[in-house]
Amino acid sequence: MVLAPILWTLDIGMTDERATRPETSFVGLDNYGFLLEDEEFRHSMWNTVVITVIVVLLTNLLGLAIALLLRRQGRLYSLLRGVYFTPVILSAVVVSVIGRSVLADDGLLNSTLVSMGVESPPGWLTDPSYAIYSVSGIMVWQMLGFAVVVYLAGLAGIPAELEEAASLDGAGPWQQFRAITWPMLAPALTINTVMLMISTFKVYDQIAVLTNGGPGTNGTATVAFEVIRTAFSEQRPGVASAMAGIMLVVVSAASVTTLKLLQRREVNL
């Protein structure tokens, strides 16, 4: 069941199939060769890598910091944990619409900046210098709750006796974190990193709602966005399937490599 759609996609990727004509011919690896030389596709690959790196790093860092702050018991902390998790249960479209209302040229953020005396606030979604970072920020906001929950689960699994013994031995908070907390959170780091990588590599909804691939020709377009646009707007399912095939290889290789490296760290610790 899993292999069937993959094989079907790879098969279409080796044809010149177009939605505008009934004839289809086998072209072998021509579509893949075309994509590797295509500037727009290479740029979308670069955008995907940039967004993935930003989202994985920031979400892990912020998620760990927030989890450390919210690990205490109490009604307030339970409420805050629920607040941070709320964006996770919302659809990507809803989160993106909220983000656009804040970051648009006439949105909440720029309106606030103007009221504070800023004459020319940035175009967070329309300026190429800011757009890809703004999109990444919205994605971090949506995925942050997931990372927090995973790290909280990891923190809950750390025996209190270890921290108490370290405290009695004179270890300060930073020393306890380095010697006990961080090593024992290795499985949580592995889960978060791999899941965030997979989720970010296939991002489409946020790009479509926030920037529609812009600003400019291909400012924030990711590979997943290019696959949809090529298949449906340009009606070239053969080329789009080849894009999906390349993305499958890249995502699989990156995920497996990252998983192996992080699992090796778990064993070493």
C-alpha atoms as a PDB file:
ATOM      1  CA  MET A   1       0.000   0.000   0.000  1.00  0.00           C
ATOM      2  CA  VAL A   2       2.871   2.384   0.724  1.00  0.00           C
ATOM      3  CA  LEU A   3       4.984   1.408  -2.280  1.00  0.00           C
ATOM      4  CA  ALA A   4       2.164   1.589  -4.853  1.00  0.00           C
ATOM      5  CA  PRO A   5       1.780   5.416  -4.974  1.00  0.00           C
ATOM      6  CA  ILE A   6       5.562   5.861  -4.783  1.00  0.00           C
ATOM      7  CA  LEU A   7       6.162   3.550  -7.744  1.00  0.00           C
ATOM      8  CA  TRP A   8       3.300   5.175  -9.657  1.00  0.00           C
ATOM      9  CA  THR A   9       4.777   8.641  -9.074  1.00  0.00           C
ATOM     10  CA  LEU A  10       8.238   7.503 -10.154  1.00  0.00           C
ATOM     11  CA  ASP A  11       6.717   5.935 -13.269  1.00  0.00           C
ATOM     12  CA  ILE A  12       4.909   9.153 -14.246  1.00  0.00           C
ATOM     13  CA  GLY A  13       8.121  11.081 -13.581  1.00  0.00           C
ATOM     14  CA  MET A  14       9.749   9.226 -16.469  1.00  0.00           C
ATOM     15  CA  THR A  15       7.122  10.342 -18.993  1.00  0.00           C
ATOM     16  CA  ASP A  16       6.274  13.607 -20.744  1.00  0.00           C
ATOM     17  CA  GLU A  17       2.669  13.421 -19.541  1.00  0.00           C
ATOM     18  CA  ARG A  18       0.685  16.644 -19.781  1.00  0.00           C
ATOM     19  CA  ALA A  19      -2.909  17.259 -18.782  1.00  0.00           C
ATOM     20  CA  THR A  20      -3.516  19.152 -22.040  1.00  0.00           C
ATOM     21  CA  ARG A  21      -2.817  16.203 -24.362  1.00  0.00           C
ATOM     22  CA  PRO A  22      -3.752  12.516 -24.345  1.00  0.00           C
ATOM     23  CA  GLU A  23      -0.457  11.178 -25.770  1.00  0.00           C
ATOM     24  CA  THR A  24       2.258  10.187 -23.317  1.00  0.00           C
ATOM     25  CA  SER A  25       5.786   9.094 -24.166  1.00  0.00           C
ATOM     26  CA  PHE A  26       8.513   7.496 -22.073  1.00  0.00           C
ATOM     27  CA  VAL A  27      11.414   9.941 -21.635  1.00  0.00           C
ATOM     28  CA  GLY A  28      13.535   8.089 -19.097  1.00  0.00           C
ATOM     29  CA  LEU A  29      15.505  10.410 -16.838  1.00  0.00           C
ATOM     30  CA  ASP A  30      15.051  13.502 -19.021  1.00  0.00           C
ATOM     31  CA  ASN A  31      12.711  15.174 -16.513  1.00  0.00           C
ATOM     32  CA  TYR A  32      15.234  14.668 -13.725  1.00  0.00           C
ATOM     33  CA  GLY A  33      18.042  16.074 -15.855  1.00  0.00           C
ATOM     34  CA  PHE A  34      15.900  19.080 -16.729  1.00  0.00           C
ATOM     35  CA  LEU A  35      15.119  19.761 -13.073  1.00  0.00           C
ATOM     36  CA  LEU A  36      18.730  19.525 -11.952  1.00  0.00           C
ATOM     37  CA  GLU A  37      19.581  22.274 -14.450  1.00  0.00           C
ATOM     38  CA  ASP A  38      16.448  24.357 -13.792  1.00  0.00           C
ATOM     39  CA  GLU A  39      17.196  27.526 -11.813  1.00  0.00           C
ATOM     40  CA  GLU A  40      13.700  27.787 -10.313  1.00  0.00           C
ATOM     41  CA  PHE A  41      13.766  24.212  -9.036  1.00  0.00           C
ATOM     42  CA  ARG A  42      17.235  24.642  -7.534  1.00  0.00           C
ATOM     43  CA  HIS A  43      16.056  27.832  -5.839  1.00  0.00           C
ATOM     44  CA  SER A  44      13.016  26.043  -4.411  1.00  0.00           C
ATOM     45  CA  MET A  45      15.347  23.351  -3.053  1.00  0.00           C
ATOM     46  CA  TRP A  46      17.461  26.047  -1.409  1.00  0.00           C
ATOM     47  CA  ASN A  47      14.354  27.678   0.084  1.00  0.00           C
ATOM     48  CA  THR A  48      13.273  24.312   1.465  1.00  0.00           C
ATOM     49  CA  VAL A  49      16.661  23.729   3.091  1.00  0.00           C
ATOM     50  CA  VAL A  50      16.774  27.241   4.597  1.00  0.00           C
ATOM     51  CA  ILE A  51      13.268  26.977   6.054  1.00  0.00           C
ATOM     52  CA  THR A  52      13.978  23.484   7.393  1.00  0.00           C
ATOM     53  CA  VAL A  53      17.194  24.528   9.139  1.00  0.00           C
ATOM     54  CA  ILE A  54      15.555  27.597  10.707  1.00  0.00           C
ATOM     55  CA  VAL A  55      12.464  25.720  11.868  1.00  0.00           C
ATOM     56  CA  VAL A  56      14.346  22.713  13.266  1.00  0.00           C
ATOM     57  CA  LEU A  57      16.893  24.812  15.164  1.00  0.00           C
ATOM     58  CA  LEU A  58      14.525  27.460  16.555  1.00  0.00           C
ATOM     59  CA  THR A  59      11.737  25.039  17.432  1.00  0.00           C
ATOM     60  CA  ASN A  60      14.129  22.760  19.298  1.00  0.00           C
ATOM     61  CA  LEU A  61      15.807  25.621  21.165  1.00  0.00           C
ATOM     62  CA  LEU A  62      12.583  27.414  22.101  1.00  0.00           C
ATOM     63  CA  GLY A  63      10.755  24.159  22.803  1.00  0.00           C
ATOM     64  CA  LEU A  64      13.441  23.018  25.227  1.00  0.00           C
ATOM     65  CA  ALA A  65      13.600  26.407  26.963  1.00  0.00           C
ATOM     66  CA  ILE A  66       9.824  26.590  27.383  1.00  0.00           C
ATOM     67  CA  ALA A  67       9.618  22.970  28.553  1.00  0.00           C
ATOM     68  CA  LEU A  68      12.207  23.681  31.248  1.00  0.00           C
ATOM     69  CA  LEU A  69      10.107  26.628  32.419  1.00  0.00           C
ATOM     70  CA  LEU A  70       6.808  24.701  32.346  1.00  0.00           C
ATOM     71  CA  ARG A  71       7.936  21.433  33.944  1.00  0.00           C
ATOM     72  CA  ARG A  72       6.650  22.583  37.326  1.00  0.00           C
ATOM     73  CA  GLN A  73       3.259  21.466  38.606  1.00  0.00           C
ATOM     74  CA  GLY A  74       0.322  23.815  39.137  1.00  0.00           C
ATOM     75  CA  ARG A  75      -2.780  25.188  37.441  1.00  0.00           C
ATOM     76  CA  LEU A  76      -0.959  28.102  35.850  1.00  0.00           C
ATOM     77  CA  TYR A  77       1.653  25.841  34.280  1.00  0.00           C
ATOM     78  CA  SER A  78      -1.040  23.437  33.046  1.00  0.00           C
ATOM     79  CA  LEU A  79      -2.854  26.374  31.444  1.00  0.00           C
ATOM     80  CA  LEU A  80       0.319  27.620  29.776  1.00  0.00           C
ATOM     81  CA  ARG A  81       1.081  24.146  28.427  1.00  0.00           C
ATOM     82  CA  GLY A  82      -2.355  24.119  26.816  1.00  0.00           C
ATOM     83  CA  VAL A  83      -1.830  27.591  25.355  1.00  0.00           C
ATOM     84  CA  TYR A  84       1.457  26.610  23.734  1.00  0.00           C
ATOM     85  CA  PHE A  85      -0.092  23.459  22.261  1.00  0.00           C
ATOM     86  CA  THR A  86      -3.101  25.241  20.724  1.00  0.00           C
ATOM     87  CA  PRO A  87      -1.477  26.092  17.342  1.00  0.00           C
ATOM     88  CA  VAL A  88      -0.610  22.412  16.869  1.00  0.00           C
ATOM     89  CA  ILE A  89      -4.271  21.363  16.768  1.00  0.00           C
ATOM     90  CA  LEU A  90      -5.187  24.135  14.320  1.00  0.00           C
ATOM     91  CA  SER A  91      -4.857  23.515  10.597  1.00  0.00           C
ATOM     92  CA  ALA A  92      -1.902  25.024   8.766  1.00  0.00           C
ATOM     93  CA  VAL A  93      -4.301  27.207   6.777  1.00  0.00           C
ATOM     94  CA  VAL A  94      -5.863  28.704   9.910  1.00  0.00           C
ATOM     95  CA  VAL A  95      -2.463  29.381  11.468  1.00  0.00           C
ATOM     96  CA  SER A  96      -1.251  30.952   8.215  1.00  0.00           C
ATOM     97  CA  VAL A  97      -4.302  33.209   7.944  1.00  0.00           C
ATOM     98  CA  ILE A  98      -3.667  34.408  11.498  1.00  0.00           C
ATOM     99  CA  GLY A  99      -0.007  34.938  10.665  1.00  0.00           C
ATOM    100  CA  ARG A 100      -0.873  36.891   7.522  1.00  0.00           C
ATOM    101  CA  SER A 101      -3.216  39.175   9.468  1.00  0.00           C
ATOM    102  CA  VAL A 102      -0.285  39.998  11.750  1.00  0.00           C
ATOM    103  CA  LEU A 103       2.527  40.254   9.174  1.00  0.00           C
ATOM    104  CA  ALA A 104       0.753  41.803   6.175  1.00  0.00           C
ATOM    105  CA  ASP A 105       1.855  45.276   5.072  1.00  0.00           C
ATOM    106  CA  ASP A 106      -1.276  46.700   6.729  1.00  0.00           C
ATOM    107  CA  GLY A 107      -1.382  44.027   9.413  1.00  0.00           C
ATOM    108  CA  LEU A 108      -1.306  44.219  13.182  1.00  0.00           C
ATOM    109  CA  LEU A 109       2.482  44.324  13.524  1.00  0.00           C
ATOM    110  CA  ASN A 110       3.062  47.153  11.043  1.00  0.00           C
ATOM    111  CA  SER A 111       0.070  49.097  12.376  1.00  0.00           C
ATOM    112  CA  THR A 112       1.632  48.887  15.829  1.00  0.00           C
ATOM    113  CA  LEU A 113       5.017  49.999  14.487  1.00  0.00           C
ATOM    114  CA  VAL A 114       3.427  52.978  12.695  1.00  0.00           C
ATOM    115  CA  SER A 115       1.626  54.006  15.887  1.00  0.00           C
ATOM    116  CA  MET A 116       5.024  53.933  17.621  1.00  0.00           C
ATOM    117  CA  GLY A 117       6.490  56.340  15.071  1.00  0.00           C
ATOM    118  CA  VAL A 118       8.081  53.991  12.519  1.00  0.00           C
ATOM    119  CA  GLU A 119       7.520  55.693   9.153  1.00  0.00           C
ATOM    120  CA  SER A 120       8.338  52.796   6.812  1.00  0.00           C
ATOM    121  CA  PRO A 121       7.826  49.435   8.521  1.00  0.00           C
ATOM    122  CA  PRO A 122       9.233  46.366   6.754  1.00  0.00           C
ATOM    123  CA  GLY A 123       7.247  44.306   4.282  1.00  0.00           C
ATOM    124  CA  TRP A 124       7.442  41.101   6.284  1.00  0.00           C
ATOM    125  CA  LEU A 125       5.802  39.027   3.545  1.00  0.00           C
ATOM    126  CA  THR A 126       6.499  41.203   0.493  1.00  0.00           C
ATOM    127  CA  ASP A 127      10.179  42.043   0.934  1.00  0.00           C
ATOM    128  CA  PRO A 128      12.548  39.254  -0.240  1.00  0.00           C
ATOM    129  CA  SER A 129      14.885  40.120   2.641  1.00  0.00           C
ATOM    130  CA  TYR A 130      12.236  39.220   5.238  1.00  0.00           C
ATOM    131  CA  ALA A 131       9.710  36.889   3.600  1.00  0.00           C
ATOM    132  CA  ILE A 132      11.415  33.528   4.045  1.00  0.00           C
ATOM    133  CA  TYR A 133      12.192  34.308   7.701  1.00  0.00           C
ATOM    134  CA  SER A 134       8.616  35.434   8.327  1.00  0.00           C
ATOM    135  CA  VAL A 135       7.266  32.202   6.856  1.00  0.00           C
ATOM    136  CA  SER A 136       9.719  30.234   8.988  1.00  0.00           C
ATOM    137  CA  GLY A 137       8.591  32.150  12.068  1.00  0.00           C
ATOM    138  CA  ILE A 138       4.945  31.235  11.489  1.00  0.00           C
ATOM    139  CA  MET A 139       5.923  27.587  11.109  1.00  0.00           C
ATOM    140  CA  VAL A 140       7.953  27.704  14.324  1.00  0.00           C
ATOM    141  CA  TRP A 141       4.930  29.138  16.127  1.00  0.00           C
ATOM    142  CA  GLN A 142       2.709  26.308  14.897  1.00  0.00           C
ATOM    143  CA  MET A 143       5.149  23.477  15.642  1.00  0.00           C
ATOM    144  CA  LEU A 144       6.480  24.832  18.934  1.00  0.00           C
ATOM    145  CA  GLY A 145       3.755  23.213  21.039  1.00  0.00           C
ATOM    146  CA  PHE A 146       4.618  19.765  19.713  1.00  0.00           C
ATOM    147  CA  ALA A 147       8.283  20.208  20.605  1.00  0.00           C
ATOM    148  CA  VAL A 148       7.367  21.468  24.084  1.00  0.00           C
ATOM    149  CA  VAL A 149       5.186  18.416  24.773  1.00  0.00           C
ATOM    150  CA  VAL A 150       7.905  16.002  23.615  1.00  0.00           C
ATOM    151  CA  TYR A 151      10.515  17.695  25.793  1.00  0.00           C
ATOM    152  CA  LEU A 152       8.113  17.769  28.759  1.00  0.00           C
ATOM    153  CA  ALA A 153       7.619  14.025  28.348  1.00  0.00           C
ATOM    154  CA  GLY A 154      11.388  13.589  28.302  1.00  0.00           C
ATOM    155  CA  LEU A 155      11.806  15.723  31.415  1.00  0.00           C
ATOM    156  CA  ALA A 156       9.116  13.731  33.214  1.00  0.00           C
ATOM    157  CA  GLY A 157      11.143  10.580  32.592  1.00  0.00           C
ATOM    158  CA  ILE A 158      14.247  11.884  34.369  1.00  0.00           C
ATOM    159  CA  PRO A 159      14.445  10.361  37.883  1.00  0.00           C
ATOM    160  CA  ALA A 160      14.200  13.065  40.529  1.00  0.00           C
ATOM    161  CA  GLU A 161      16.782  11.169  42.579  1.00  0.00           C
ATOM    162  CA  LEU A 162      19.500  12.006  40.055  1.00  0.00           C
ATOM    163  CA  GLU A 163      18.880  15.731  40.272  1.00  0.00           C
ATOM    164  CA  GLU A 164      18.613  15.606  44.055  1.00  0.00           C
ATOM    165  CA  ALA A 165      21.906  13.716  44.312  1.00  0.00           C
ATOM    166  CA  ALA A 166      23.618  16.181  41.978  1.00  0.00           C
ATOM    167  CA  SER A 167      22.280  19.077  44.035  1.00  0.00           C
ATOM    168  CA  LEU A 168      23.585  17.523  47.243  1.00  0.00           C
ATOM    169  CA  ASP A 169      26.982  17.122  45.584  1.00  0.00           C
ATOM    170  CA  GLY A 170      27.060  20.866  44.988  1.00  0.00           C
ATOM    171  CA  ALA A 171      26.176  20.920  41.288  1.00  0.00           C
ATOM    172  CA  GLY A 172      24.508  24.135  40.148  1.00  0.00           C
ATOM    173  CA  PRO A 173      21.562  24.367  37.717  1.00  0.00           C
ATOM    174  CA  TRP A 174      23.811  24.643  34.637  1.00  0.00           C
ATOM    175  CA  GLN A 175      25.980  21.715  35.740  1.00  0.00           C
ATOM    176  CA  GLN A 176      22.870  19.601  36.381  1.00  0.00           C
ATOM    177  CA  PHE A 177      21.547  20.475  32.932  1.00  0.00           C
ATOM    178  CA  ARG A 178      24.802  19.528  31.194  1.00  0.00           C
ATOM    179  CA  ALA A 179      25.429  16.332  33.146  1.00  0.00           C
ATOM    180  CA  ILE A 180      21.897  14.980  33.639  1.00  0.00           C
ATOM    181  CA  THR A 181      19.078  16.789  31.846  1.00  0.00           C
ATOM    182  CA  TRP A 182      20.574  17.284  28.384  1.00  0.00           C
ATOM    183  CA  PRO A 183      21.979  13.740  27.998  1.00  0.00           C
ATOM    184  CA  MET A 184      18.713  12.156  29.122  1.00  0.00           C
ATOM    185  CA  LEU A 185      16.732  14.279  26.666  1.00  0.00           C
ATOM    186  CA  ALA A 186      18.550  12.699  23.715  1.00  0.00           C
ATOM    187  CA  PRO A 187      15.529  10.564  22.651  1.00  0.00           C
ATOM    188  CA  ALA A 188      13.264  13.637  22.786  1.00  0.00           C
ATOM    189  CA  LEU A 189      15.737  15.574  20.639  1.00  0.00           C
ATOM    190  CA  THR A 190      15.763  12.737  18.102  1.00  0.00           C
ATOM    191  CA  ILE A 191      11.965  12.635  17.876  1.00  0.00           C
ATOM    192  CA  ASN A 192      11.618  16.395  17.537  1.00  0.00           C
ATOM    193  CA  THR A 193      14.375  16.808  14.968  1.00  0.00           C
ATOM    194  CA  VAL A 194      13.212  14.032  12.645  1.00  0.00           C
ATOM    195  CA  MET A 195       9.517  14.950  12.876  1.00  0.00           C
ATOM    196  CA  LEU A 196      10.237  18.642  12.311  1.00  0.00           C
ATOM    197  CA  MET A 197      12.439  17.865   9.313  1.00  0.00           C
ATOM    198  CA  ILE A 198       9.778  15.721   7.662  1.00  0.00           C
ATOM    199  CA  SER A 199       7.011  18.255   8.364  1.00  0.00           C
ATOM    200  CA  THR A 200       9.038  21.185   7.043  1.00  0.00           C
ATOM    201  CA  PHE A 201      10.300  19.480   3.890  1.00  0.00           C
ATOM    202  CA  LYS A 202       6.712  18.959   2.707  1.00  0.00           C
ATOM    203  CA  VAL A 203       5.395  22.400   3.616  1.00  0.00           C
ATOM    204  CA  TYR A 204       2.846  23.791   1.170  1.00  0.00           C
ATOM    205  CA  ASP A 205      -0.149  25.372   2.924  1.00  0.00           C
ATOM    206  CA  GLN A 206       1.815  28.065   4.735  1.00  0.00           C
ATOM    207  CA  ILE A 207       3.583  29.136   1.537  1.00  0.00           C
ATOM    208  CA  ALA A 208       0.352  29.217  -0.463  1.00  0.00           C
ATOM    209  CA  VAL A 209      -1.511  31.320   2.107  1.00  0.00           C
ATOM    210  CA  LEU A 210       1.263  33.656   3.248  1.00  0.00           C
ATOM    211  CA  THR A 211       3.177  34.476   0.055  1.00  0.00           C
ATOM    212  CA  ASN A 212       1.914  32.244  -2.786  1.00  0.00           C
ATOM    213  CA  GLY A 213       5.551  31.483  -3.542  1.00  0.00           C
ATOM    214  CA  GLY A 214       6.637  35.113  -3.711  1.00  0.00           C
ATOM    215  CA  PRO A 215       7.778  37.775  -3.326  1.00  0.00           C
ATOM    216  CA  GLY A 216       9.223  37.960  -6.797  1.00  0.00           C
ATOM    217  CA  THR A 217       9.356  34.976  -9.101  1.00  0.00           C
ATOM    218  CA  ASN A 218      10.212  32.299  -6.571  1.00  0.00           C
ATOM    219  CA  GLY A 219      11.013  34.080  -3.305  1.00  0.00           C
ATOM    220  CA  THR A 220       9.652  31.541  -0.817  1.00  0.00           C
ATOM    221  CA  ALA A 221       8.545  28.672  -3.065  1.00  0.00           C
ATOM    222  CA  THR A 222       9.485  25.271  -1.662  1.00  0.00           C
ATOM    223  CA  VAL A 223       9.767  21.988  -3.544  1.00  0.00           C
ATOM    224  CA  ALA A 224       6.330  20.880  -2.334  1.00  0.00           C
ATOM    225  CA  PHE A 225       4.850  24.186  -3.527  1.00  0.00           C
ATOM    226  CA  GLU A 226       6.544  23.757  -6.926  1.00  0.00           C
ATOM    227  CA  VAL A 227       5.181  20.212  -7.219  1.00  0.00           C
ATOM    228  CA  ILE A 228       1.600  21.409  -6.756  1.00  0.00           C
ATOM    229  CA  ARG A 229       2.046  24.435  -9.024  1.00  0.00           C
ATOM    230  CA  THR A 230       3.692  22.418 -11.798  1.00  0.00           C
ATOM    231  CA  ALA A 231       1.117  19.626 -11.646  1.00  0.00           C
ATOM    232  CA  PHE A 232      -2.042  21.728 -11.511  1.00  0.00           C
ATOM    233  CA  SER A 233      -1.306  25.285 -12.679  1.00  0.00           C
ATOM    234  CA  GLU A 234       1.137  24.340 -15.443  1.00  0.00           C
ATOM    235  CA  GLN A 235      -0.537  20.942 -15.978  1.00  0.00           C
ATOM    236  CA  ARG A 236       2.752  19.036 -16.283  1.00  0.00           C
ATOM    237  CA  PRO A 237       2.291  15.981 -14.046  1.00  0.00           C
ATOM    238  CA  GLY A 238       5.352  14.277 -15.544  1.00  0.00           C
ATOM    239  CA  VAL A 239       7.744  17.003 -14.404  1.00  0.00           C
ATOM    240  CA  ALA A 240       5.872  17.412 -11.100  1.00  0.00           C
ATOM    241  CA  SER A 241       6.229  13.685 -10.395  1.00  0.00           C
ATOM    242  CA  ALA A 242       9.955  13.928 -11.086  1.00  0.00           C
ATOM    243  CA  MET A 243      10.135  16.773  -8.543  1.00  0.00           C
ATOM    244  CA  ALA A 244       8.315  14.597  -6.024  1.00  0.00           C
ATOM    245  CA  GLY A 245      10.746  11.764  -6.723  1.00  0.00           C
ATOM    246  CA  ILE A 246      13.749  13.987  -6.060  1.00  0.00           C
ATOM    247  CA  MET A 247      12.143  15.320  -2.883  1.00  0.00           C
ATOM    248  CA  LEU A 248      11.437  11.753  -1.722  1.00  0.00           C
ATOM    249  CA  VAL A 249      15.100  10.815  -2.113  1.00  0.00           C
ATOM    250  CA  VAL A 250      16.344  13.974  -0.375  1.00  0.00           C
ATOM    251  CA  VAL A 251      13.891  13.729   2.539  1.00  0.00           C
ATOM    252  CA  SER A 252      14.548  10.015   3.033  1.00  0.00           C
ATOM    253  CA  ALA A 253      18.324  10.467   2.956  1.00  0.00           C
ATOM    254  CA  ALA A 254      18.253  13.474   5.292  1.00  0.00           C
ATOM    255  CA  SER A 255      15.856  11.816   7.746  1.00  0.00           C
ATOM    256  CA  VAL A 256      17.712   8.492   7.889  1.00  0.00           C
ATOM    257  CA  THR A 257      21.105  10.194   8.247  1.00  0.00           C
ATOM    258  CA  THR A 258      19.853  12.499  11.007  1.00  0.00           C
ATOM    259  CA  LEU A 259      18.148   9.609  12.790  1.00  0.00           C
ATOM    260  CA  LYS A 260      21.299   7.488  12.716  1.00  0.00           C
ATOM    261  CA  LEU A 261      23.502  10.334  13.973  1.00  0.00           C
ATOM    262  CA  LEU A 262      21.158  11.218  16.828  1.00  0.00           C
ATOM    263  CA  GLN A 263      20.637   7.576  17.794  1.00  0.00           C
ATOM    264  CA  ARG A 264      24.417   7.127  17.874  1.00  0.00           C
ATOM    265  CA  ARG A 265      24.541  10.067  20.299  1.00  0.00           C
ATOM    266  CA  GLU A 266      21.936   8.329  22.474  1.00  0.00           C
ATOM    267  CA  VAL A 267      24.049   5.163  22.593  1.00  0.00           C
ATOM    268  CA  ASN A 268      27.244   7.071  23.377  1.00  0.00           C
ATOM    269  CA  LEU A 269      25.547   8.895  26.218  1.00  0.00           C
END
